[in-house]
Amino acid sequence: MDMSAITWVDRIALLLIIIGGLNWGLIGLLDFDLVAWLFGSPEALLSRVVYTLVGVGAAWGITLLFRPREERGA
């Protein structure tokens, strides 16, 4: 098994990082928190779950920085 290949966990983490990045972009540009809007408020349980999952995804994403690059054959 090629350990440098992207896994399903990596894909989920990247999706969560993208969701978090887009939400922060909306907050920065438009002062609009999409997650809070979708789930009622920033304090709502579902909002907090999404924020937590995005944070876990970002923590997992750190591991992507330190993995060896896949060897590419000529």
PDB file of N, CA and C in Angstrom:
ATOM      1  N   MET A   1       0.846  -1.190   0.000  1.00  0.00           N
ATOM      2  CA  MET A   1       0.000   0.000   0.000  1.00  0.00           C
ATOM      3  C   MET A   1       0.882   1.240   0.000  1.00  0.00           C
ATOM      4  N   ASP A   2       0.586   2.164  -0.876  1.00  0.00           N
ATOM      5  CA  ASP A   2       1.353   3.394  -0.992  1.00  0.00           C
ATOM      6  C   ASP A   2       0.892   4.372   0.086  1.00  0.00           C
ATOM      7  N   MET A   3       1.734   4.612   1.095  1.00  0.00           N
ATOM      8  CA  MET A   3       1.355   5.462   2.223  1.00  0.00           C
ATOM      9  C   MET A   3       1.318   6.949   1.857  1.00  0.00           C
ATOM     10  N   SER A   4       1.897   7.333   0.717  1.00  0.00           N
ATOM     11  CA  SER A   4       1.890   8.745   0.352  1.00  0.00           C
ATOM     12  C   SER A   4       0.637   9.126  -0.439  1.00  0.00           C
ATOM     13  N   ALA A   5      -0.172   8.141  -0.800  1.00  0.00           N
ATOM     14  CA  ALA A   5      -1.398   8.427  -1.547  1.00  0.00           C
ATOM     15  C   ALA A   5      -2.419   9.086  -0.619  1.00  0.00           C
ATOM     16  N   ILE A   6      -3.277   9.899  -1.194  1.00  0.00           N
ATOM     17  CA  ILE A   6      -4.292  10.586  -0.402  1.00  0.00           C
ATOM     18  C   ILE A   6      -5.372   9.574   0.005  1.00  0.00           C
ATOM     19  N   THR A   7      -5.780   9.624   1.255  1.00  0.00           N
ATOM     20  CA  THR A   7      -6.766   8.683   1.783  1.00  0.00           C
ATOM     21  C   THR A   7      -8.120   9.361   1.900  1.00  0.00           C
ATOM     22  N   TRP A   8      -9.120   8.569   2.240  1.00  0.00           N
ATOM     23  CA  TRP A   8     -10.465   9.144   2.416  1.00  0.00           C
ATOM     24  C   TRP A   8     -10.485  10.104   3.598  1.00  0.00           C
ATOM     25  N   VAL A   9      -9.671   9.828   4.621  1.00  0.00           N
ATOM     26  CA  VAL A   9      -9.595  10.740   5.766  1.00  0.00           C
ATOM     27  C   VAL A   9      -8.998  12.073   5.315  1.00  0.00           C
ATOM     28  N   ASP A  10      -7.966  12.014   4.465  1.00  0.00           N
ATOM     29  CA  ASP A  10      -7.359  13.232   3.926  1.00  0.00           C
ATOM     30  C   ASP A  10      -8.390  14.042   3.137  1.00  0.00           C
ATOM     31  N   ARG A  11      -9.187  13.359   2.343  1.00  0.00           N
ATOM     32  CA  ARG A  11     -10.199  14.050   1.530  1.00  0.00           C
ATOM     33  C   ARG A  11     -11.252  14.731   2.406  1.00  0.00           C
ATOM     34  N   ILE A  12     -11.690  14.039   3.441  1.00  0.00           N
ATOM     35  CA  ILE A  12     -12.666  14.639   4.359  1.00  0.00           C
ATOM     36  C   ILE A  12     -12.050  15.847   5.056  1.00  0.00           C
ATOM     37  N   ALA A  13     -10.803  15.708   5.504  1.00  0.00           N
ATOM     38  CA  ALA A  13     -10.123  16.821   6.169  1.00  0.00           C
ATOM     39  C   ALA A  13      -9.997  18.010   5.219  1.00  0.00           C
ATOM     40  N   LEU A  14      -9.630  17.755   3.978  1.00  0.00           N
ATOM     41  CA  LEU A  14      -9.511  18.850   3.010  1.00  0.00           C
ATOM     42  C   LEU A  14     -10.864  19.507   2.748  1.00  0.00           C
ATOM     43  N   LEU A  15     -11.921  18.716   2.679  1.00  0.00           N
ATOM     44  CA  LEU A  15     -13.263  19.279   2.498  1.00  0.00           C
ATOM     45  C   LEU A  15     -13.629  20.182   3.670  1.00  0.00           C
ATOM     46  N   LEU A  16     -13.333  19.729   4.890  1.00  0.00           N
ATOM     47  CA  LEU A  16     -13.623  20.539   6.069  1.00  0.00           C
ATOM     48  C   LEU A  16     -12.787  21.821   6.086  1.00  0.00           C
ATOM     49  N   ILE A  17     -11.530  21.729   5.674  1.00  0.00           N
ATOM     50  CA  ILE A  17     -10.672  22.911   5.604  1.00  0.00           C
ATOM     51  C   ILE A  17     -11.225  23.908   4.589  1.00  0.00           C
ATOM     52  N   ILE A  18     -11.709  23.403   3.470  1.00  0.00           N
ATOM     53  CA  ILE A  18     -12.296  24.277   2.451  1.00  0.00           C
ATOM     54  C   ILE A  18     -13.559  24.957   2.987  1.00  0.00           C
ATOM     55  N   ILE A  19     -14.416  24.193   3.665  1.00  0.00           N
ATOM     56  CA  ILE A  19     -15.624  24.771   4.256  1.00  0.00           C
ATOM     57  C   ILE A  19     -15.250  25.880   5.242  1.00  0.00           C
ATOM     58  N   GLY A  20     -14.274  25.602   6.103  1.00  0.00           N
ATOM     59  CA  GLY A  20     -13.838  26.605   7.069  1.00  0.00           C
ATOM     60  C   GLY A  20     -13.239  27.827   6.398  1.00  0.00           C
ATOM     61  N   GLY A  21     -12.440  27.605   5.374  1.00  0.00           N
ATOM     62  CA  GLY A  21     -11.826  28.726   4.663  1.00  0.00           C
ATOM     63  C   GLY A  21     -12.848  29.605   3.969  1.00  0.00           C
ATOM     64  N   LEU A  22     -13.826  28.966   3.332  1.00  0.00           N
ATOM     65  CA  LEU A  22     -14.877  29.747   2.678  1.00  0.00           C
ATOM     66  C   LEU A  22     -15.709  30.514   3.700  1.00  0.00           C
ATOM     67  N   ASN A  23     -15.997  29.878   4.837  1.00  0.00           N
ATOM     68  CA  ASN A  23     -16.759  30.577   5.879  1.00  0.00           C
ATOM     69  C   ASN A  23     -15.979  31.779   6.405  1.00  0.00           C
ATOM     70  N   TRP A  24     -14.678  31.599   6.656  1.00  0.00           N
ATOM     71  CA  TRP A  24     -13.864  32.730   7.127  1.00  0.00           C
ATOM     72  C   TRP A  24     -13.757  33.816   6.057  1.00  0.00           C
ATOM     73  N   GLY A  25     -13.712  33.417   4.794  1.00  0.00           N
ATOM     74  CA  GLY A  25     -13.696  34.409   3.719  1.00  0.00           C
ATOM     75  C   GLY A  25     -14.961  35.246   3.712  1.00  0.00           C
ATOM     76  N   LEU A  26     -16.102  34.583   3.910  1.00  0.00           N
ATOM     77  CA  LEU A  26     -17.375  35.312   3.981  1.00  0.00           C
ATOM     78  C   LEU A  26     -17.427  36.236   5.189  1.00  0.00           C
ATOM     79  N   ILE A  27     -16.886  35.763   6.306  1.00  0.00           N
ATOM     80  CA  ILE A  27     -16.854  36.614   7.498  1.00  0.00           C
ATOM     81  C   ILE A  27     -15.979  37.838   7.248  1.00  0.00           C
ATOM     82  N   GLY A  28     -14.825  37.629   6.653  1.00  0.00           N
ATOM     83  CA  GLY A  28     -13.904  38.740   6.404  1.00  0.00           C
ATOM     84  C   GLY A  28     -14.415  39.731   5.380  1.00  0.00           C
ATOM     85  N   LEU A  29     -15.019  39.235   4.307  1.00  0.00           N
ATOM     86  CA  LEU A  29     -15.464  40.121   3.233  1.00  0.00           C
ATOM     87  C   LEU A  29     -16.843  40.736   3.475  1.00  0.00           C
ATOM     88  N   LEU A  30     -17.748  39.943   3.995  1.00  0.00           N
ATOM     89  CA  LEU A  30     -19.141  40.378   4.081  1.00  0.00           C
ATOM     90  C   LEU A  30     -19.699  40.412   5.501  1.00  0.00           C
ATOM     91  N   ASP A  31     -18.870  40.075   6.483  1.00  0.00           N
ATOM     92  CA  ASP A  31     -19.318  39.980   7.870  1.00  0.00           C
ATOM     93  C   ASP A  31     -20.531  39.049   7.973  1.00  0.00           C
ATOM     94  N   PHE A  32     -20.454  37.914   7.252  1.00  0.00           N
ATOM     95  CA  PHE A  32     -21.549  36.951   7.200  1.00  0.00           C
ATOM     96  C   PHE A  32     -21.014  35.569   7.543  1.00  0.00           C
ATOM     97  N   ASP A  33     -21.505  34.987   8.634  1.00  0.00           N
ATOM     98  CA  ASP A  33     -21.109  33.660   9.077  1.00  0.00           C
ATOM     99  C   ASP A  33     -22.132  32.659   8.544  1.00  0.00           C
ATOM    100  N   LEU A  34     -21.788  31.971   7.465  1.00  0.00           N
ATOM    101  CA  LEU A  34     -22.708  31.042   6.816  1.00  0.00           C
ATOM    102  C   LEU A  34     -23.097  29.886   7.739  1.00  0.00           C
ATOM    103  N   VAL A  35     -22.140  29.351   8.479  1.00  0.00           N
ATOM    104  CA  VAL A  35     -22.434  28.237   9.383  1.00  0.00           C
ATOM    105  C   VAL A  35     -23.444  28.671  10.442  1.00  0.00           C
ATOM    106  N   ALA A  36     -23.218  29.817  11.050  1.00  0.00           N
ATOM    107  CA  ALA A  36     -24.154  30.317  12.058  1.00  0.00           C
ATOM    108  C   ALA A  36     -25.522  30.595  11.442  1.00  0.00           C
ATOM    109  N   TRP A  37     -25.541  31.115  10.223  1.00  0.00           N
ATOM    110  CA  TRP A  37     -26.795  31.400   9.544  1.00  0.00           C
ATOM    111  C   TRP A  37     -27.569  30.109   9.267  1.00  0.00           C
ATOM    112  N   LEU A  38     -26.855  29.064   8.832  1.00  0.00           N
ATOM    113  CA  LEU A  38     -27.511  27.796   8.520  1.00  0.00           C
ATOM    114  C   LEU A  38     -28.083  27.119   9.762  1.00  0.00           C
ATOM    115  N   PHE A  39     -27.393  27.244  10.892  1.00  0.00           N
ATOM    116  CA  PHE A  39     -27.775  26.485  12.077  1.00  0.00           C
ATOM    117  C   PHE A  39     -28.332  27.345  13.208  1.00  0.00           C
ATOM    118  N   GLY A  40     -28.622  28.602  12.955  1.00  0.00           N
ATOM    119  CA  GLY A  40     -29.333  29.426  13.921  1.00  0.00           C
ATOM    120  C   GLY A  40     -28.500  30.477  14.623  1.00  0.00           C
ATOM    121  N   SER A  41     -27.320  30.130  15.077  1.00  0.00           N
ATOM    122  CA  SER A  41     -26.443  31.090  15.749  1.00  0.00           C
ATOM    123  C   SER A  41     -25.079  30.438  15.943  1.00  0.00           C
ATOM    124  N   PRO A  42     -24.053  31.238  16.250  1.00  0.00           N
ATOM    125  CA  PRO A  42     -22.740  30.648  16.508  1.00  0.00           C
ATOM    126  C   PRO A  42     -22.733  29.745  17.738  1.00  0.00           C
ATOM    127  N   GLU A  43     -23.663  29.959  18.654  1.00  0.00           N
ATOM    128  CA  GLU A  43     -23.723  29.166  19.875  1.00  0.00           C
ATOM    129  C   GLU A  43     -24.558  27.902  19.732  1.00  0.00           C
ATOM    130  N   ALA A  44     -25.272  27.756  18.620  1.00  0.00           N
ATOM    131  CA  ALA A  44     -26.115  26.575  18.413  1.00  0.00           C
ATOM    132  C   ALA A  44     -25.246  25.320  18.381  1.00  0.00           C
ATOM    133  N   LEU A  45     -25.798  24.237  18.872  1.00  0.00           N
ATOM    134  CA  LEU A  45     -25.043  22.987  18.965  1.00  0.00           C
ATOM    135  C   LEU A  45     -24.495  22.546  17.607  1.00  0.00           C
ATOM    136  N   LEU A  46     -25.319  22.599  16.568  1.00  0.00           N
ATOM    137  CA  LEU A  46     -24.846  22.164  15.250  1.00  0.00           C
ATOM    138  C   LEU A  46     -23.739  23.074  14.713  1.00  0.00           C
ATOM    139  N   SER A  47     -23.839  24.362  14.972  1.00  0.00           N
ATOM    140  CA  SER A  47     -22.768  25.279  14.564  1.00  0.00           C
ATOM    141  C   SER A  47     -21.473  24.908  15.262  1.00  0.00           C
ATOM    142  N   ARG A  48     -21.553  24.646  16.546  1.00  0.00           N
ATOM    143  CA  ARG A  48     -20.355  24.292  17.319  1.00  0.00           C
ATOM    144  C   ARG A  48     -19.759  22.969  16.845  1.00  0.00           C
ATOM    145  N   VAL A  49     -20.621  22.037  16.443  1.00  0.00           N
ATOM    146  CA  VAL A  49     -20.133  20.764  15.901  1.00  0.00           C
ATOM    147  C   VAL A  49     -19.385  21.005  14.597  1.00  0.00           C
ATOM    148  N   VAL A  50     -19.956  21.836  13.717  1.00  0.00           N
ATOM    149  CA  VAL A  50     -19.289  22.138  12.445  1.00  0.00           C
ATOM    150  C   VAL A  50     -17.958  22.842  12.692  1.00  0.00           C
ATOM    151  N   TYR A  51     -17.944  23.833  13.580  1.00  0.00           N
ATOM    152  CA  TYR A  51     -16.697  24.537  13.893  1.00  0.00           C
ATOM    153  C   TYR A  51     -15.648  23.561  14.437  1.00  0.00           C
ATOM    154  N   THR A  52     -16.077  22.637  15.287  1.00  0.00           N
ATOM    155  CA  THR A  52     -15.155  21.652  15.859  1.00  0.00           C
ATOM    156  C   THR A  52     -14.622  20.720  14.789  1.00  0.00           C
ATOM    157  N   LEU A  53     -15.493  20.251  13.896  1.00  0.00           N
ATOM    158  CA  LEU A  53     -15.041  19.370  12.813  1.00  0.00           C
ATOM    159  C   LEU A  53     -14.068  20.081  11.884  1.00  0.00           C
ATOM    160  N   VAL A  54     -14.313  21.347  11.605  1.00  0.00           N
ATOM    161  CA  VAL A  54     -13.387  22.123  10.775  1.00  0.00           C
ATOM    162  C   VAL A  54     -12.029  22.223  11.472  1.00  0.00           C
ATOM    163  N   GLY A  55     -12.036  22.453  12.771  1.00  0.00           N
ATOM    164  CA  GLY A  55     -10.787  22.512  13.523  1.00  0.00           C
ATOM    165  C   GLY A  55     -10.039  21.188  13.509  1.00  0.00           C
ATOM    166  N   VAL A  56     -10.755  20.093  13.672  1.00  0.00           N
ATOM    167  CA  VAL A  56     -10.124  18.762  13.615  1.00  0.00           C
ATOM    168  C   VAL A  56      -9.572  18.515  12.215  1.00  0.00           C
ATOM    169  N   GLY A  57     -10.336  18.902  11.202  1.00  0.00           N
ATOM    170  CA  GLY A  57      -9.855  18.757   9.826  1.00  0.00           C
ATOM    171  C   GLY A  57      -8.588  19.557   9.578  1.00  0.00           C
ATOM    172  N   ALA A  58      -8.532  20.759  10.130  1.00  0.00           N
ATOM    173  CA  ALA A  58      -7.327  21.590   9.979  1.00  0.00           C
ATOM    174  C   ALA A  58      -6.140  20.968  10.698  1.00  0.00           C
ATOM    175  N   ALA A  59      -6.390  20.403  11.874  1.00  0.00           N
ATOM    176  CA  ALA A  59      -5.306  19.731  12.602  1.00  0.00           C
ATOM    177  C   ALA A  59      -4.787  18.539  11.799  1.00  0.00           C
ATOM    178  N   TRP A  60      -5.698  17.781  11.194  1.00  0.00           N
ATOM    179  CA  TRP A  60      -5.289  16.661  10.344  1.00  0.00           C
ATOM    180  C   TRP A  60      -4.537  17.173   9.116  1.00  0.00           C
ATOM    181  N   GLY A  61      -4.981  18.301   8.585  1.00  0.00           N
ATOM    182  CA  GLY A  61      -4.330  18.881   7.411  1.00  0.00           C
ATOM    183  C   GLY A  61      -2.863  19.212   7.643  1.00  0.00           C
ATOM    184  N   ILE A  62      -2.492  19.484   8.886  1.00  0.00           N
ATOM    185  CA  ILE A  62      -1.090  19.746   9.201  1.00  0.00           C
ATOM    186  C   ILE A  62      -0.233  18.545   8.822  1.00  0.00           C
ATOM    187  N   THR A  63      -0.787  17.337   8.997  1.00  0.00           N
ATOM    188  CA  THR A  63      -0.009  16.132   8.664  1.00  0.00           C
ATOM    189  C   THR A  63       0.305  16.060   7.177  1.00  0.00           C
ATOM    190  N   LEU A  64      -0.553  16.658   6.355  1.00  0.00           N
ATOM    191  CA  LEU A  64      -0.321  16.639   4.909  1.00  0.00           C
ATOM    192  C   LEU A  64       0.952  17.400   4.536  1.00  0.00           C
ATOM    193  N   LEU A  65       1.311  18.384   5.330  1.00  0.00           N
ATOM    194  CA  LEU A  65       2.510  19.170   5.046  1.00  0.00           C
ATOM    195  C   LEU A  65       3.797  18.375   5.227  1.00  0.00           C
ATOM    196  N   PHE A  66       3.755  17.365   6.072  1.00  0.00           N
ATOM    197  CA  PHE A  66       4.968  16.656   6.438  1.00  0.00           C
ATOM    198  C   PHE A  66       5.064  15.261   5.833  1.00  0.00           C
ATOM    199  N   ARG A  67       4.166  14.924   4.940  1.00  0.00           N
ATOM    200  CA  ARG A  67       4.232  13.623   4.278  1.00  0.00           C
ATOM    201  C   ARG A  67       5.160  13.707   3.079  1.00  0.00           C
ATOM    202  N   PRO A  68       5.892  12.623   2.813  1.00  0.00           N
ATOM    203  CA  PRO A  68       6.768  12.640   1.630  1.00  0.00           C
ATOM    204  C   PRO A  68       5.954  12.702   0.346  1.00  0.00           C
ATOM    205  N   ARG A  69       6.503  13.352  -0.654  1.00  0.00           N
ATOM    206  CA  ARG A  69       5.830  13.434  -1.943  1.00  0.00           C
ATOM    207  C   ARG A  69       5.832  12.066  -2.610  1.00  0.00           C
ATOM    208  N   GLU A  70       4.800  11.809  -3.352  1.00  0.00           N
ATOM    209  CA  GLU A  70       4.719  10.550  -4.073  1.00  0.00           C
ATOM    210  C   GLU A  70       5.782  10.527  -5.155  1.00  0.00           C
ATOM    211  N   GLU A  71       6.501   9.431  -5.225  1.00  0.00           N
ATOM    212  CA  GLU A  71       7.521   9.288  -6.262  1.00  0.00           C
ATOM    213  C   GLU A  71       6.835   9.192  -7.624  1.00  0.00           C
ATOM    214  N   ARG A  72       7.273   9.972  -8.558  1.00  0.00           N
ATOM    215  CA  ARG A  72       6.685   9.964  -9.888  1.00  0.00           C
ATOM    216  C   ARG A  72       7.664   9.307 -10.851  1.00  0.00           C
ATOM    217  N   GLY A  73       7.162   8.282 -11.533  1.00  0.00           N
ATOM    218  CA  GLY A  73       8.012   7.573 -12.496  1.00  0.00           C
ATOM    219  C   GLY A  73       8.094   8.332 -13.813  1.00  0.00           C
ATOM    220  N   ALA A  74       9.182   8.116 -14.540  1.00  0.00           N
ATOM    221  CA  ALA A  74       9.368   8.808 -15.818  1.00  0.00           C
ATOM    222  C   ALA A  74       8.787   8.002 -16.949  1.00  0.00           C
TER     223      ALA A  74
END
